[in-house]
Amino acid sequence: MILVLVGPPGAGKGTQAKLLCARFGIPQISTGDMLREAKRSGTLEKRYLDIMDSGGLLPDEAVIGLIARRTVEPDCSNGFLLDGFPRTVPQADALDELLASQGGTRIDAVIQLDVARPLLEERLIHRRTDKRSGQIYHLVYNPPPPGAELEHRADDRPEAVAKRLDAYEAMTAALLPFYEQKKLLHRVDGVGKPEDVTHRVLSAIGRPGSGGE
């Protein structure tokens, strides 16, 4: 099972990725996590490190290279879930070429989590992180306990949230029709309890019956 999970910031991709990976027994491959780990471990080329440090986006070949190395590891033998990649049609084409070169495997489904923009903004703007534990809270839906040392991340502030959502919409404008034309795209309502959203995802991709476990 090879899945691609897409959706704007705040749509709940991280939560759904963990639930789906547990359901299918496959690893979650987050390009963001891989890039941070490569930076931490010193395995990222200096030219790419300089781009990251300046806040720029890495070229597609750098990210595809990381995915190519990750997807041949033993735990990917039964498939994997891609979280955060691809985001553009050129990236999607590069991914298809990579999978074809790795024994002719193909994507089984692309899942888009749909959440209305006002709700995305509310989810992100009211999100806080406890500096000591790293636990993430929401001031409305999951309030922190007394004494938590809260941090409001810079990219969760209103002006930054608006820019992040605008950037996502612009970047993926052509990607969703691309996968829709290939009959791989499944748009799923991302609002509700996590287990309910998982049930919708499983039903959409033809694997119903286990979303509420």
N, C-alpha and C. Protein backbone atom coordinates (compact mmCIF):
# COMPACT_ATOMS: atom_id res chain seq x y z
N MET A 1 0.84 -1.19 0.00
CA MET A 1 0.00 0.00 0.00
C MET A 1 0.88 1.24 0.00
N ILE A 2 0.82 2.01 -1.06
CA ILE A 2 1.54 3.28 -1.15
C ILE A 2 0.52 4.40 -1.19
N LEU A 3 0.55 5.24 -0.16
CA LEU A 3 -0.41 6.32 -0.03
C LEU A 3 0.30 7.67 -0.04
N VAL A 4 -0.39 8.67 -0.59
CA VAL A 4 0.08 10.05 -0.51
C VAL A 4 -0.99 10.83 0.24
N LEU A 5 -0.59 11.52 1.30
CA LEU A 5 -1.53 12.28 2.11
C LEU A 5 -1.25 13.76 1.92
N VAL A 6 -2.25 14.48 1.44
CA VAL A 6 -2.07 15.91 1.20
C VAL A 6 -3.16 16.69 1.92
N GLY A 7 -2.91 17.95 2.13
CA GLY A 7 -3.87 18.81 2.79
C GLY A 7 -3.16 20.03 3.33
N PRO A 8 -3.87 21.10 3.53
CA PRO A 8 -3.25 22.34 3.99
C PRO A 8 -2.77 22.24 5.43
N PRO A 9 -1.94 23.18 5.86
CA PRO A 9 -1.53 23.23 7.27
C PRO A 9 -2.77 23.28 8.16
N GLY A 10 -2.76 22.47 9.21
CA GLY A 10 -3.88 22.46 10.14
C GLY A 10 -4.98 21.48 9.79
N ALA A 11 -4.82 20.73 8.69
CA ALA A 11 -5.87 19.80 8.26
C ALA A 11 -5.88 18.50 9.05
N GLY A 12 -4.81 18.24 9.80
CA GLY A 12 -4.74 17.02 10.59
C GLY A 12 -3.98 15.89 9.93
N LYS A 13 -3.08 16.24 9.01
CA LYS A 13 -2.32 15.19 8.29
C LYS A 13 -1.49 14.34 9.24
N GLY A 14 -0.85 14.97 10.22
CA GLY A 14 0.02 14.23 11.12
C GLY A 14 -0.75 13.16 11.88
N THR A 15 -1.91 13.53 12.39
CA THR A 15 -2.74 12.58 13.14
C THR A 15 -3.20 11.44 12.24
N GLN A 16 -3.70 11.77 11.07
CA GLN A 16 -4.19 10.73 10.16
C GLN A 16 -3.06 9.85 9.65
N ALA A 17 -1.90 10.43 9.43
CA ALA A 17 -0.76 9.63 8.97
C ALA A 17 -0.44 8.53 9.98
N LYS A 18 -0.41 8.89 11.26
CA LYS A 18 -0.10 7.89 12.30
C LYS A 18 -1.16 6.80 12.35
N LEU A 19 -2.43 7.17 12.26
CA LEU A 19 -3.52 6.19 12.34
C LEU A 19 -3.51 5.26 11.12
N LEU A 20 -3.29 5.83 9.94
CA LEU A 20 -3.28 5.01 8.72
C LEU A 20 -2.06 4.09 8.68
N CYS A 21 -0.92 4.60 9.12
CA CYS A 21 0.28 3.76 9.11
C CYS A 21 0.13 2.58 10.08
N ALA A 22 -0.51 2.83 11.22
CA ALA A 22 -0.76 1.74 12.16
C ALA A 22 -1.73 0.73 11.55
N ARG A 23 -2.72 1.23 10.84
CA ARG A 23 -3.73 0.35 10.22
C ARG A 23 -3.11 -0.57 9.17
N PHE A 24 -2.20 -0.04 8.35
CA PHE A 24 -1.64 -0.82 7.25
C PHE A 24 -0.26 -1.40 7.54
N GLY A 25 0.32 -1.05 8.67
CA GLY A 25 1.64 -1.56 9.01
C GLY A 25 2.72 -1.05 8.09
N ILE A 26 2.63 0.24 7.74
CA ILE A 26 3.61 0.86 6.86
C ILE A 26 4.20 2.09 7.55
N PRO A 27 5.41 2.51 7.17
CA PRO A 27 6.00 3.69 7.80
C PRO A 27 5.48 5.00 7.19
N GLN A 28 5.50 6.02 8.02
CA GLN A 28 5.19 7.38 7.57
C GLN A 28 6.48 8.02 7.11
N ILE A 29 6.47 8.55 5.89
CA ILE A 29 7.66 9.25 5.38
C ILE A 29 7.31 10.73 5.25
N SER A 30 7.82 11.50 6.18
CA SER A 30 7.59 12.94 6.19
C SER A 30 8.83 13.63 5.66
N THR A 31 8.68 14.34 4.56
CA THR A 31 9.85 15.02 3.99
C THR A 31 10.41 16.06 4.96
N GLY A 32 9.52 16.72 5.70
CA GLY A 32 9.99 17.70 6.68
C GLY A 32 10.85 17.05 7.75
N ASP A 33 10.39 15.90 8.26
CA ASP A 33 11.17 15.18 9.28
C ASP A 33 12.51 14.72 8.71
N MET A 34 12.49 14.21 7.48
CA MET A 34 13.73 13.72 6.87
C MET A 34 14.73 14.85 6.68
N LEU A 35 14.25 16.01 6.26
CA LEU A 35 15.16 17.13 6.05
C LEU A 35 15.76 17.60 7.38
N ARG A 36 14.92 17.65 8.42
CA ARG A 36 15.43 18.07 9.72
C ARG A 36 16.46 17.07 10.26
N GLU A 37 16.20 15.77 10.05
CA GLU A 37 17.12 14.75 10.51
C GLU A 37 18.44 14.81 9.72
N ALA A 38 18.32 15.01 8.39
CA ALA A 38 19.52 15.11 7.57
C ALA A 38 20.36 16.32 7.98
N LYS A 39 19.70 17.40 8.33
CA LYS A 39 20.41 18.59 8.79
C LYS A 39 21.09 18.32 10.13
N ARG A 40 20.35 17.67 11.05
CA ARG A 40 20.88 17.38 12.37
C ARG A 40 22.08 16.43 12.32
N SER A 41 21.98 15.42 11.45
CA SER A 41 23.02 14.40 11.38
C SER A 41 24.21 14.81 10.50
N GLY A 42 24.07 15.93 9.79
CA GLY A 42 25.16 16.40 8.96
C GLY A 42 25.28 15.70 7.62
N THR A 43 24.20 15.00 7.20
CA THR A 43 24.24 14.28 5.93
C THR A 43 23.67 15.09 4.76
N LEU A 44 23.23 16.29 5.04
CA LEU A 44 22.70 17.15 3.98
C LEU A 44 23.83 17.96 3.37
N GLU A 45 23.89 17.96 2.03
CA GLU A 45 24.94 18.72 1.35
C GLU A 45 24.91 20.19 1.76
N LYS A 46 26.09 20.80 1.81
CA LYS A 46 26.18 22.18 2.30
C LYS A 46 25.33 23.13 1.46
N ARG A 47 25.28 22.91 0.14
CA ARG A 47 24.50 23.83 -0.70
C ARG A 47 23.02 23.77 -0.34
N TYR A 48 22.55 22.58 0.06
CA TYR A 48 21.16 22.45 0.47
C TYR A 48 20.96 22.99 1.88
N LEU A 49 21.96 22.80 2.71
CA LEU A 49 21.90 23.32 4.08
C LEU A 49 21.79 24.84 4.07
N ASP A 50 22.54 25.48 3.19
CA ASP A 50 22.49 26.93 3.08
C ASP A 50 21.10 27.41 2.66
N ILE A 51 20.48 26.66 1.75
CA ILE A 51 19.12 27.02 1.30
C ILE A 51 18.14 26.91 2.45
N MET A 52 18.23 25.79 3.21
CA MET A 52 17.34 25.60 4.36
C MET A 52 17.52 26.70 5.39
N ASP A 53 18.78 27.03 5.68
CA ASP A 53 19.06 28.04 6.70
C ASP A 53 18.55 29.42 6.31
N SER A 54 18.45 29.65 5.01
CA SER A 54 17.95 30.96 4.55
C SER A 54 16.43 30.98 4.42
N GLY A 55 15.79 29.84 4.73
CA GLY A 55 14.33 29.77 4.66
C GLY A 55 13.79 29.44 3.29
N GLY A 56 14.65 29.05 2.37
CA GLY A 56 14.21 28.74 1.01
C GLY A 56 13.74 27.31 0.87
N LEU A 57 13.14 27.01 -0.27
CA LEU A 57 12.68 25.66 -0.58
C LEU A 57 13.78 24.90 -1.31
N LEU A 58 14.02 23.67 -0.90
CA LEU A 58 15.04 22.87 -1.56
C LEU A 58 14.58 22.45 -2.94
N PRO A 59 15.52 22.31 -3.89
CA PRO A 59 15.15 21.85 -5.23
C PRO A 59 14.60 20.42 -5.16
N ASP A 60 13.77 20.10 -6.14
CA ASP A 60 13.09 18.81 -6.14
C ASP A 60 14.06 17.64 -6.07
N GLU A 61 15.20 17.77 -6.77
CA GLU A 61 16.12 16.62 -6.81
C GLU A 61 16.67 16.28 -5.43
N ALA A 62 16.79 17.28 -4.56
CA ALA A 62 17.29 17.02 -3.21
C ALA A 62 16.28 16.19 -2.42
N VAL A 63 15.02 16.57 -2.52
CA VAL A 63 13.98 15.87 -1.76
C VAL A 63 13.76 14.47 -2.34
N ILE A 64 13.74 14.36 -3.66
CA ILE A 64 13.57 13.05 -4.29
C ILE A 64 14.72 12.12 -3.91
N GLY A 65 15.93 12.68 -3.79
CA GLY A 65 17.07 11.86 -3.39
C GLY A 65 16.87 11.27 -2.01
N LEU A 66 16.35 12.08 -1.08
CA LEU A 66 16.07 11.58 0.26
C LEU A 66 15.01 10.48 0.22
N ILE A 67 13.96 10.70 -0.56
CA ILE A 67 12.88 9.72 -0.64
C ILE A 67 13.38 8.43 -1.29
N ALA A 68 14.22 8.56 -2.32
CA ALA A 68 14.76 7.38 -2.99
C ALA A 68 15.52 6.50 -2.02
N ARG A 69 16.33 7.13 -1.15
CA ARG A 69 17.11 6.35 -0.18
C ARG A 69 16.20 5.76 0.91
N ARG A 70 15.20 6.52 1.30
CA ARG A 70 14.32 6.06 2.39
C ARG A 70 13.42 4.90 1.97
N THR A 71 12.92 4.94 0.75
CA THR A 71 11.92 3.96 0.33
C THR A 71 12.50 2.59 -0.02
N VAL A 72 13.83 2.46 -0.03
CA VAL A 72 14.42 1.13 -0.26
C VAL A 72 14.84 0.47 1.05
N GLU A 73 14.55 1.12 2.18
CA GLU A 73 14.85 0.50 3.47
C GLU A 73 13.85 -0.62 3.75
N PRO A 74 14.25 -1.61 4.55
CA PRO A 74 13.43 -2.81 4.75
C PRO A 74 12.00 -2.54 5.22
N ASP A 75 11.80 -1.52 6.05
CA ASP A 75 10.45 -1.31 6.58
C ASP A 75 9.48 -0.79 5.53
N CYS A 76 9.98 -0.45 4.35
CA CYS A 76 9.11 0.02 3.26
C CYS A 76 8.72 -1.10 2.29
N SER A 77 9.08 -2.34 2.64
CA SER A 77 8.84 -3.45 1.71
C SER A 77 7.36 -3.68 1.44
N ASN A 78 6.49 -3.32 2.40
CA ASN A 78 5.05 -3.48 2.21
C ASN A 78 4.36 -2.18 1.84
N GLY A 79 5.15 -1.14 1.57
CA GLY A 79 4.58 0.15 1.20
C GLY A 79 4.96 1.23 2.20
N PHE A 80 4.37 2.42 2.01
CA PHE A 80 4.67 3.56 2.87
C PHE A 80 3.64 4.64 2.62
N LEU A 81 3.62 5.60 3.51
CA LEU A 81 2.74 6.77 3.37
C LEU A 81 3.61 8.00 3.26
N LEU A 82 3.42 8.76 2.21
CA LEU A 82 4.16 10.01 2.00
C LEU A 82 3.35 11.18 2.57
N ASP A 83 3.97 11.92 3.47
CA ASP A 83 3.33 13.05 4.13
C ASP A 83 4.12 14.31 3.77
N GLY A 84 3.51 15.18 2.98
CA GLY A 84 4.18 16.44 2.63
C GLY A 84 4.87 16.44 1.28
N PHE A 85 4.72 15.37 0.54
CA PHE A 85 5.32 15.27 -0.79
C PHE A 85 4.50 14.28 -1.60
N PRO A 86 4.25 14.57 -2.89
CA PRO A 86 4.63 15.77 -3.64
C PRO A 86 3.67 16.93 -3.39
N ARG A 87 4.12 18.11 -3.77
CA ARG A 87 3.29 19.31 -3.66
C ARG A 87 3.08 20.00 -4.99
N THR A 88 3.82 19.57 -6.00
CA THR A 88 3.69 20.17 -7.34
C THR A 88 3.66 19.04 -8.36
N VAL A 89 3.21 19.38 -9.58
CA VAL A 89 3.17 18.38 -10.65
C VAL A 89 4.56 17.88 -11.01
N PRO A 90 5.59 18.73 -11.13
CA PRO A 90 6.93 18.21 -11.39
C PRO A 90 7.39 17.22 -10.32
N GLN A 91 7.07 17.50 -9.08
CA GLN A 91 7.42 16.57 -8.00
C GLN A 91 6.66 15.25 -8.17
N ALA A 92 5.39 15.33 -8.56
CA ALA A 92 4.58 14.13 -8.76
C ALA A 92 5.15 13.29 -9.91
N ASP A 93 5.57 13.95 -10.98
CA ASP A 93 6.19 13.23 -12.11
C ASP A 93 7.49 12.55 -11.66
N ALA A 94 8.29 13.27 -10.87
CA ALA A 94 9.55 12.70 -10.38
C ALA A 94 9.29 11.50 -9.48
N LEU A 95 8.23 11.58 -8.68
CA LEU A 95 7.88 10.46 -7.80
C LEU A 95 7.46 9.25 -8.63
N ASP A 96 6.67 9.46 -9.66
CA ASP A 96 6.27 8.35 -10.54
C ASP A 96 7.49 7.67 -11.16
N GLU A 97 8.44 8.48 -11.60
CA GLU A 97 9.66 7.92 -12.20
C GLU A 97 10.47 7.13 -11.18
N LEU A 98 10.52 7.65 -9.95
CA LEU A 98 11.26 6.95 -8.89
C LEU A 98 10.62 5.59 -8.61
N LEU A 99 9.31 5.57 -8.45
CA LEU A 99 8.62 4.32 -8.14
C LEU A 99 8.77 3.32 -9.29
N ALA A 100 8.69 3.81 -10.52
CA ALA A 100 8.86 2.91 -11.67
C ALA A 100 10.24 2.29 -11.69
N SER A 101 11.24 3.06 -11.26
CA SER A 101 12.62 2.55 -11.24
C SER A 101 12.86 1.57 -10.10
N GLN A 102 11.95 1.58 -9.11
CA GLN A 102 12.09 0.70 -7.95
C GLN A 102 11.16 -0.52 -8.08
N GLY A 103 11.19 -1.13 -9.23
CA GLY A 103 10.41 -2.34 -9.41
C GLY A 103 9.02 -2.13 -9.96
N GLY A 104 8.75 -0.93 -10.44
CA GLY A 104 7.46 -0.69 -11.09
C GLY A 104 6.29 -0.50 -10.14
N THR A 105 6.56 -0.14 -8.88
CA THR A 105 5.46 0.11 -7.96
C THR A 105 4.76 1.41 -8.32
N ARG A 106 3.51 1.53 -7.84
CA ARG A 106 2.73 2.73 -8.14
C ARG A 106 1.95 3.19 -6.91
N ILE A 107 1.56 4.43 -6.93
CA ILE A 107 0.72 4.97 -5.86
C ILE A 107 -0.65 4.30 -5.91
N ASP A 108 -1.14 3.90 -4.73
CA ASP A 108 -2.48 3.31 -4.66
C ASP A 108 -3.56 4.37 -4.52
N ALA A 109 -3.29 5.41 -3.75
CA ALA A 109 -4.31 6.44 -3.53
C ALA A 109 -3.66 7.73 -3.04
N VAL A 110 -4.26 8.84 -3.44
CA VAL A 110 -3.88 10.16 -2.95
C VAL A 110 -5.06 10.69 -2.15
N ILE A 111 -4.84 11.00 -0.89
CA ILE A 111 -5.91 11.43 0.00
C ILE A 111 -5.74 12.90 0.33
N GLN A 112 -6.76 13.68 -0.03
CA GLN A 112 -6.77 15.11 0.29
C GLN A 112 -7.73 15.33 1.45
N LEU A 113 -7.22 15.88 2.56
CA LEU A 113 -8.07 16.21 3.69
C LEU A 113 -8.63 17.62 3.50
N ASP A 114 -9.93 17.71 3.35
CA ASP A 114 -10.58 18.99 3.11
C ASP A 114 -11.09 19.59 4.42
N VAL A 115 -10.64 20.80 4.71
CA VAL A 115 -11.09 21.55 5.88
C VAL A 115 -11.26 22.99 5.44
N ALA A 116 -12.38 23.61 5.79
CA ALA A 116 -12.65 24.99 5.39
C ALA A 116 -11.59 25.93 5.97
N ARG A 117 -11.25 26.94 5.19
CA ARG A 117 -10.16 27.84 5.60
C ARG A 117 -10.39 28.50 6.96
N PRO A 118 -11.59 29.01 7.27
CA PRO A 118 -11.76 29.63 8.60
C PRO A 118 -11.44 28.66 9.74
N LEU A 119 -11.77 27.38 9.58
CA LEU A 119 -11.47 26.40 10.62
C LEU A 119 -9.97 26.13 10.68
N LEU A 120 -9.31 26.08 9.53
CA LEU A 120 -7.85 25.91 9.51
C LEU A 120 -7.18 27.05 10.28
N GLU A 121 -7.65 28.26 10.02
CA GLU A 121 -7.06 29.42 10.70
C GLU A 121 -7.27 29.32 12.20
N GLU A 122 -8.48 28.91 12.62
CA GLU A 122 -8.76 28.77 14.04
C GLU A 122 -7.87 27.69 14.67
N ARG A 123 -7.72 26.57 13.98
CA ARG A 123 -6.88 25.49 14.50
C ARG A 123 -5.44 25.94 14.71
N LEU A 124 -4.91 26.67 13.74
CA LEU A 124 -3.50 27.06 13.78
C LEU A 124 -3.23 28.22 14.71
N ILE A 125 -4.05 29.24 14.65
CA ILE A 125 -3.79 30.47 15.41
C ILE A 125 -3.88 30.22 16.91
N HIS A 126 -4.75 29.30 17.32
CA HIS A 126 -4.92 29.02 18.76
C HIS A 126 -4.06 27.85 19.24
N ARG A 127 -3.14 27.40 18.41
CA ARG A 127 -2.27 26.29 18.79
C ARG A 127 -1.08 26.82 19.62
N ARG A 128 -0.76 26.09 20.67
CA ARG A 128 0.37 26.46 21.53
C ARG A 128 1.19 25.22 21.84
N THR A 129 2.49 25.42 22.08
CA THR A 129 3.39 24.32 22.43
C THR A 129 3.97 24.56 23.81
N ASP A 130 3.97 23.50 24.63
CA ASP A 130 4.62 23.58 25.93
C ASP A 130 6.13 23.46 25.71
N LYS A 131 6.85 24.49 26.06
CA LYS A 131 8.30 24.53 25.80
C LYS A 131 9.05 23.40 26.51
N ARG A 132 8.56 22.99 27.65
CA ARG A 132 9.28 21.97 28.43
C ARG A 132 9.04 20.56 27.91
N SER A 133 7.79 20.25 27.56
CA SER A 133 7.46 18.88 27.15
C SER A 133 7.35 18.69 25.65
N GLY A 134 7.15 19.79 24.90
CA GLY A 134 6.94 19.69 23.47
C GLY A 134 5.50 19.34 23.11
N GLN A 135 4.66 19.13 24.13
CA GLN A 135 3.25 18.79 23.90
C GLN A 135 2.53 19.96 23.23
N ILE A 136 1.69 19.64 22.23
CA ILE A 136 0.93 20.67 21.52
C ILE A 136 -0.49 20.74 22.08
N TYR A 137 -0.94 21.94 22.37
CA TYR A 137 -2.29 22.16 22.90
C TYR A 137 -3.04 23.13 21.99
N HIS A 138 -4.36 23.19 22.19
CA HIS A 138 -5.19 24.17 21.50
C HIS A 138 -5.98 24.91 22.56
N LEU A 139 -5.93 26.23 22.52
CA LEU A 139 -6.54 27.03 23.58
C LEU A 139 -8.04 26.80 23.69
N VAL A 140 -8.70 26.37 22.61
CA VAL A 140 -10.16 26.16 22.63
C VAL A 140 -10.50 24.69 22.82
N TYR A 141 -9.91 23.81 21.97
CA TYR A 141 -10.33 22.40 21.93
C TYR A 141 -9.53 21.48 22.86
N ASN A 142 -8.30 21.86 23.19
CA ASN A 142 -7.46 21.01 24.04
C ASN A 142 -6.60 21.92 24.91
N PRO A 143 -7.23 22.59 25.89
CA PRO A 143 -6.51 23.59 26.68
C PRO A 143 -5.35 22.97 27.47
N PRO A 144 -4.29 23.75 27.64
CA PRO A 144 -3.13 23.25 28.40
C PRO A 144 -3.43 23.21 29.89
N PRO A 145 -2.70 22.40 30.64
CA PRO A 145 -2.89 22.35 32.09
C PRO A 145 -2.28 23.59 32.74
N PRO A 146 -2.69 23.87 33.97
CA PRO A 146 -2.09 25.00 34.68
C PRO A 146 -0.59 24.81 34.81
N GLY A 147 0.14 25.89 34.62
CA GLY A 147 1.59 25.83 34.79
C GLY A 147 2.36 25.50 33.53
N ALA A 148 1.68 25.19 32.44
CA ALA A 148 2.38 24.90 31.19
C ALA A 148 3.10 26.15 30.71
N GLU A 149 4.31 25.97 30.23
CA GLU A 149 5.09 27.10 29.71
C GLU A 149 4.87 27.17 28.21
N LEU A 150 3.91 27.99 27.80
CA LEU A 150 3.43 27.96 26.42
C LEU A 150 4.24 28.85 25.50
N GLU A 151 4.36 28.37 24.27
CA GLU A 151 5.03 29.12 23.22
C GLU A 151 4.09 29.21 22.02
N HIS A 152 3.95 30.40 21.45
CA HIS A 152 3.16 30.60 20.24
C HIS A 152 4.13 30.66 19.07
N ARG A 153 4.22 29.57 18.32
CA ARG A 153 5.18 29.52 17.21
C ARG A 153 4.95 30.66 16.23
N ALA A 154 6.05 31.16 15.68
CA ALA A 154 5.96 32.29 14.76
C ALA A 154 5.09 31.96 13.56
N ASP A 155 5.15 30.70 13.07
CA ASP A 155 4.37 30.38 11.88
C ASP A 155 2.92 30.06 12.20
N ASP A 156 2.53 30.16 13.49
CA ASP A 156 1.12 30.00 13.86
C ASP A 156 0.47 31.34 14.20
N ARG A 157 1.19 32.42 14.01
CA ARG A 157 0.60 33.74 14.23
C ARG A 157 -0.26 34.12 13.02
N PRO A 158 -1.29 34.95 13.22
CA PRO A 158 -2.28 35.19 12.16
C PRO A 158 -1.70 35.56 10.80
N GLU A 159 -0.73 36.47 10.77
CA GLU A 159 -0.19 36.91 9.48
C GLU A 159 0.57 35.77 8.80
N ALA A 160 1.28 34.97 9.61
CA ALA A 160 2.03 33.85 9.04
C ALA A 160 1.09 32.74 8.56
N VAL A 161 0.02 32.50 9.31
CA VAL A 161 -0.95 31.47 8.92
C VAL A 161 -1.57 31.80 7.58
N ALA A 162 -1.94 33.05 7.38
CA ALA A 162 -2.53 33.46 6.11
C ALA A 162 -1.57 33.21 4.96
N LYS A 163 -0.30 33.53 5.16
CA LYS A 163 0.70 33.31 4.11
C LYS A 163 0.90 31.83 3.84
N ARG A 164 0.92 31.01 4.90
CA ARG A 164 1.11 29.57 4.72
C ARG A 164 -0.04 28.96 3.93
N LEU A 165 -1.26 29.37 4.24
CA LEU A 165 -2.42 28.82 3.53
C LEU A 165 -2.46 29.29 2.09
N ASP A 166 -2.12 30.56 1.87
CA ASP A 166 -2.06 31.07 0.49
C ASP A 166 -1.02 30.30 -0.32
N ALA A 167 0.14 30.07 0.30
CA ALA A 167 1.22 29.37 -0.39
C ALA A 167 0.81 27.94 -0.73
N TYR A 168 0.13 27.27 0.20
CA TYR A 168 -0.31 25.90 -0.06
C TYR A 168 -1.29 25.86 -1.23
N GLU A 169 -2.25 26.77 -1.21
CA GLU A 169 -3.26 26.79 -2.28
C GLU A 169 -2.62 27.05 -3.64
N ALA A 170 -1.65 27.97 -3.68
CA ALA A 170 -0.99 28.28 -4.94
C ALA A 170 -0.14 27.11 -5.42
N MET A 171 0.55 26.46 -4.47
CA MET A 171 1.48 25.39 -4.84
C MET A 171 0.74 24.15 -5.34
N THR A 172 -0.39 23.83 -4.72
CA THR A 172 -1.08 22.58 -5.05
C THR A 172 -2.21 22.77 -6.06
N ALA A 173 -2.36 23.97 -6.59
CA ALA A 173 -3.48 24.25 -7.50
C ALA A 173 -3.54 23.28 -8.67
N ALA A 174 -2.38 22.90 -9.22
CA ALA A 174 -2.35 22.00 -10.36
C ALA A 174 -2.20 20.54 -9.94
N LEU A 175 -1.75 20.30 -8.70
CA LEU A 175 -1.48 18.93 -8.27
C LEU A 175 -2.75 18.10 -8.11
N LEU A 176 -3.77 18.68 -7.49
CA LEU A 176 -4.99 17.91 -7.26
C LEU A 176 -5.69 17.52 -8.56
N PRO A 177 -5.84 18.43 -9.53
CA PRO A 177 -6.39 17.99 -10.83
C PRO A 177 -5.54 16.94 -11.52
N PHE A 178 -4.23 17.01 -11.33
CA PHE A 178 -3.30 16.03 -11.91
C PHE A 178 -3.64 14.63 -11.41
N TYR A 179 -3.81 14.49 -10.10
CA TYR A 179 -4.13 13.18 -9.54
C TYR A 179 -5.59 12.79 -9.78
N GLU A 180 -6.44 13.79 -9.88
CA GLU A 180 -7.85 13.50 -10.19
C GLU A 180 -7.97 12.88 -11.58
N GLN A 181 -7.19 13.41 -12.52
CA GLN A 181 -7.20 12.88 -13.88
C GLN A 181 -6.70 11.44 -13.93
N LYS A 182 -5.80 11.11 -13.02
CA LYS A 182 -5.27 9.75 -12.94
C LYS A 182 -6.20 8.82 -12.14
N LYS A 183 -7.31 9.39 -11.65
CA LYS A 183 -8.28 8.63 -10.84
C LYS A 183 -7.66 8.08 -9.56
N LEU A 184 -6.75 8.85 -8.99
CA LEU A 184 -6.12 8.46 -7.73
C LEU A 184 -6.57 9.32 -6.55
N LEU A 185 -7.18 10.47 -6.85
CA LEU A 185 -7.49 11.44 -5.81
C LEU A 185 -8.79 11.09 -5.09
N HIS A 186 -8.72 11.12 -3.74
CA HIS A 186 -9.89 10.92 -2.90
C HIS A 186 -9.96 12.11 -1.94
N ARG A 187 -10.99 12.92 -2.08
CA ARG A 187 -11.16 14.08 -1.20
C ARG A 187 -12.02 13.65 -0.03
N VAL A 188 -11.51 13.89 1.17
CA VAL A 188 -12.16 13.40 2.39
C VAL A 188 -12.39 14.58 3.33
N ASP A 189 -13.58 14.63 3.93
CA ASP A 189 -13.90 15.64 4.92
C ASP A 189 -13.00 15.45 6.12
N GLY A 190 -12.17 16.44 6.43
CA GLY A 190 -11.21 16.32 7.52
C GLY A 190 -11.69 16.89 8.84
N VAL A 191 -13.01 17.14 8.96
CA VAL A 191 -13.55 17.74 10.18
C VAL A 191 -14.21 16.65 11.03
N GLY A 192 -13.91 16.62 12.31
CA GLY A 192 -14.52 15.65 13.20
C GLY A 192 -13.49 14.94 14.04
N LYS A 193 -13.94 13.93 14.78
CA LYS A 193 -13.01 13.14 15.60
C LYS A 193 -12.01 12.43 14.68
N PRO A 194 -10.76 12.30 15.11
CA PRO A 194 -9.75 11.64 14.27
C PRO A 194 -10.18 10.27 13.77
N GLU A 195 -10.80 9.46 14.64
CA GLU A 195 -11.19 8.12 14.21
C GLU A 195 -12.30 8.16 13.16
N ASP A 196 -13.15 9.20 13.22
CA ASP A 196 -14.20 9.34 12.21
C ASP A 196 -13.59 9.71 10.86
N VAL A 197 -12.60 10.59 10.88
CA VAL A 197 -11.92 10.98 9.64
C VAL A 197 -11.21 9.76 9.05
N THR A 198 -10.57 8.97 9.90
CA THR A 198 -9.90 7.76 9.43
C THR A 198 -10.89 6.81 8.76
N HIS A 199 -12.06 6.67 9.36
CA HIS A 199 -13.09 5.79 8.78
C HIS A 199 -13.48 6.28 7.39
N ARG A 200 -13.60 7.59 7.23
CA ARG A 200 -13.94 8.16 5.91
C ARG A 200 -12.83 7.87 4.90
N VAL A 201 -11.58 8.01 5.36
CA VAL A 201 -10.45 7.74 4.46
C VAL A 201 -10.48 6.29 4.00
N LEU A 202 -10.64 5.36 4.94
CA LEU A 202 -10.65 3.94 4.60
C LEU A 202 -11.79 3.61 3.66
N SER A 203 -12.95 4.20 3.89
CA SER A 203 -14.09 3.97 3.00
C SER A 203 -13.80 4.51 1.60
N ALA A 204 -13.16 5.69 1.55
CA ALA A 204 -12.88 6.32 0.25
C ALA A 204 -11.93 5.49 -0.59
N ILE A 205 -10.97 4.82 0.06
CA ILE A 205 -9.98 4.05 -0.69
C ILE A 205 -10.34 2.57 -0.78
N GLY A 206 -11.57 2.25 -0.36
CA GLY A 206 -12.04 0.88 -0.52
C GLY A 206 -11.57 -0.07 0.55
N ARG A 207 -11.23 0.47 1.74
CA ARG A 207 -10.82 -0.40 2.86
C ARG A 207 -11.65 -0.08 4.08
N PRO A 208 -12.99 -0.13 3.99
CA PRO A 208 -13.84 0.26 5.11
C PRO A 208 -13.81 -0.79 6.22
N GLY A 209 -14.39 -0.37 7.37
CA GLY A 209 -14.60 -1.34 8.43
C GLY A 209 -13.63 -1.30 9.57
N SER A 210 -12.56 -0.48 9.46
CA SER A 210 -11.58 -0.48 10.55
C SER A 210 -11.31 0.92 11.06
N GLY A 211 -12.08 1.91 10.63
CA GLY A 211 -11.77 3.27 11.03
C GLY A 211 -11.99 3.57 12.49
N GLY A 212 -12.90 2.81 13.12
CA GLY A 212 -13.20 3.15 14.51
C GLY A 212 -12.50 2.28 15.51
N GLU A 213 -11.57 1.46 15.10
CA GLU A 213 -10.89 0.57 16.03
C GLU A 213 -9.95 1.36 16.92
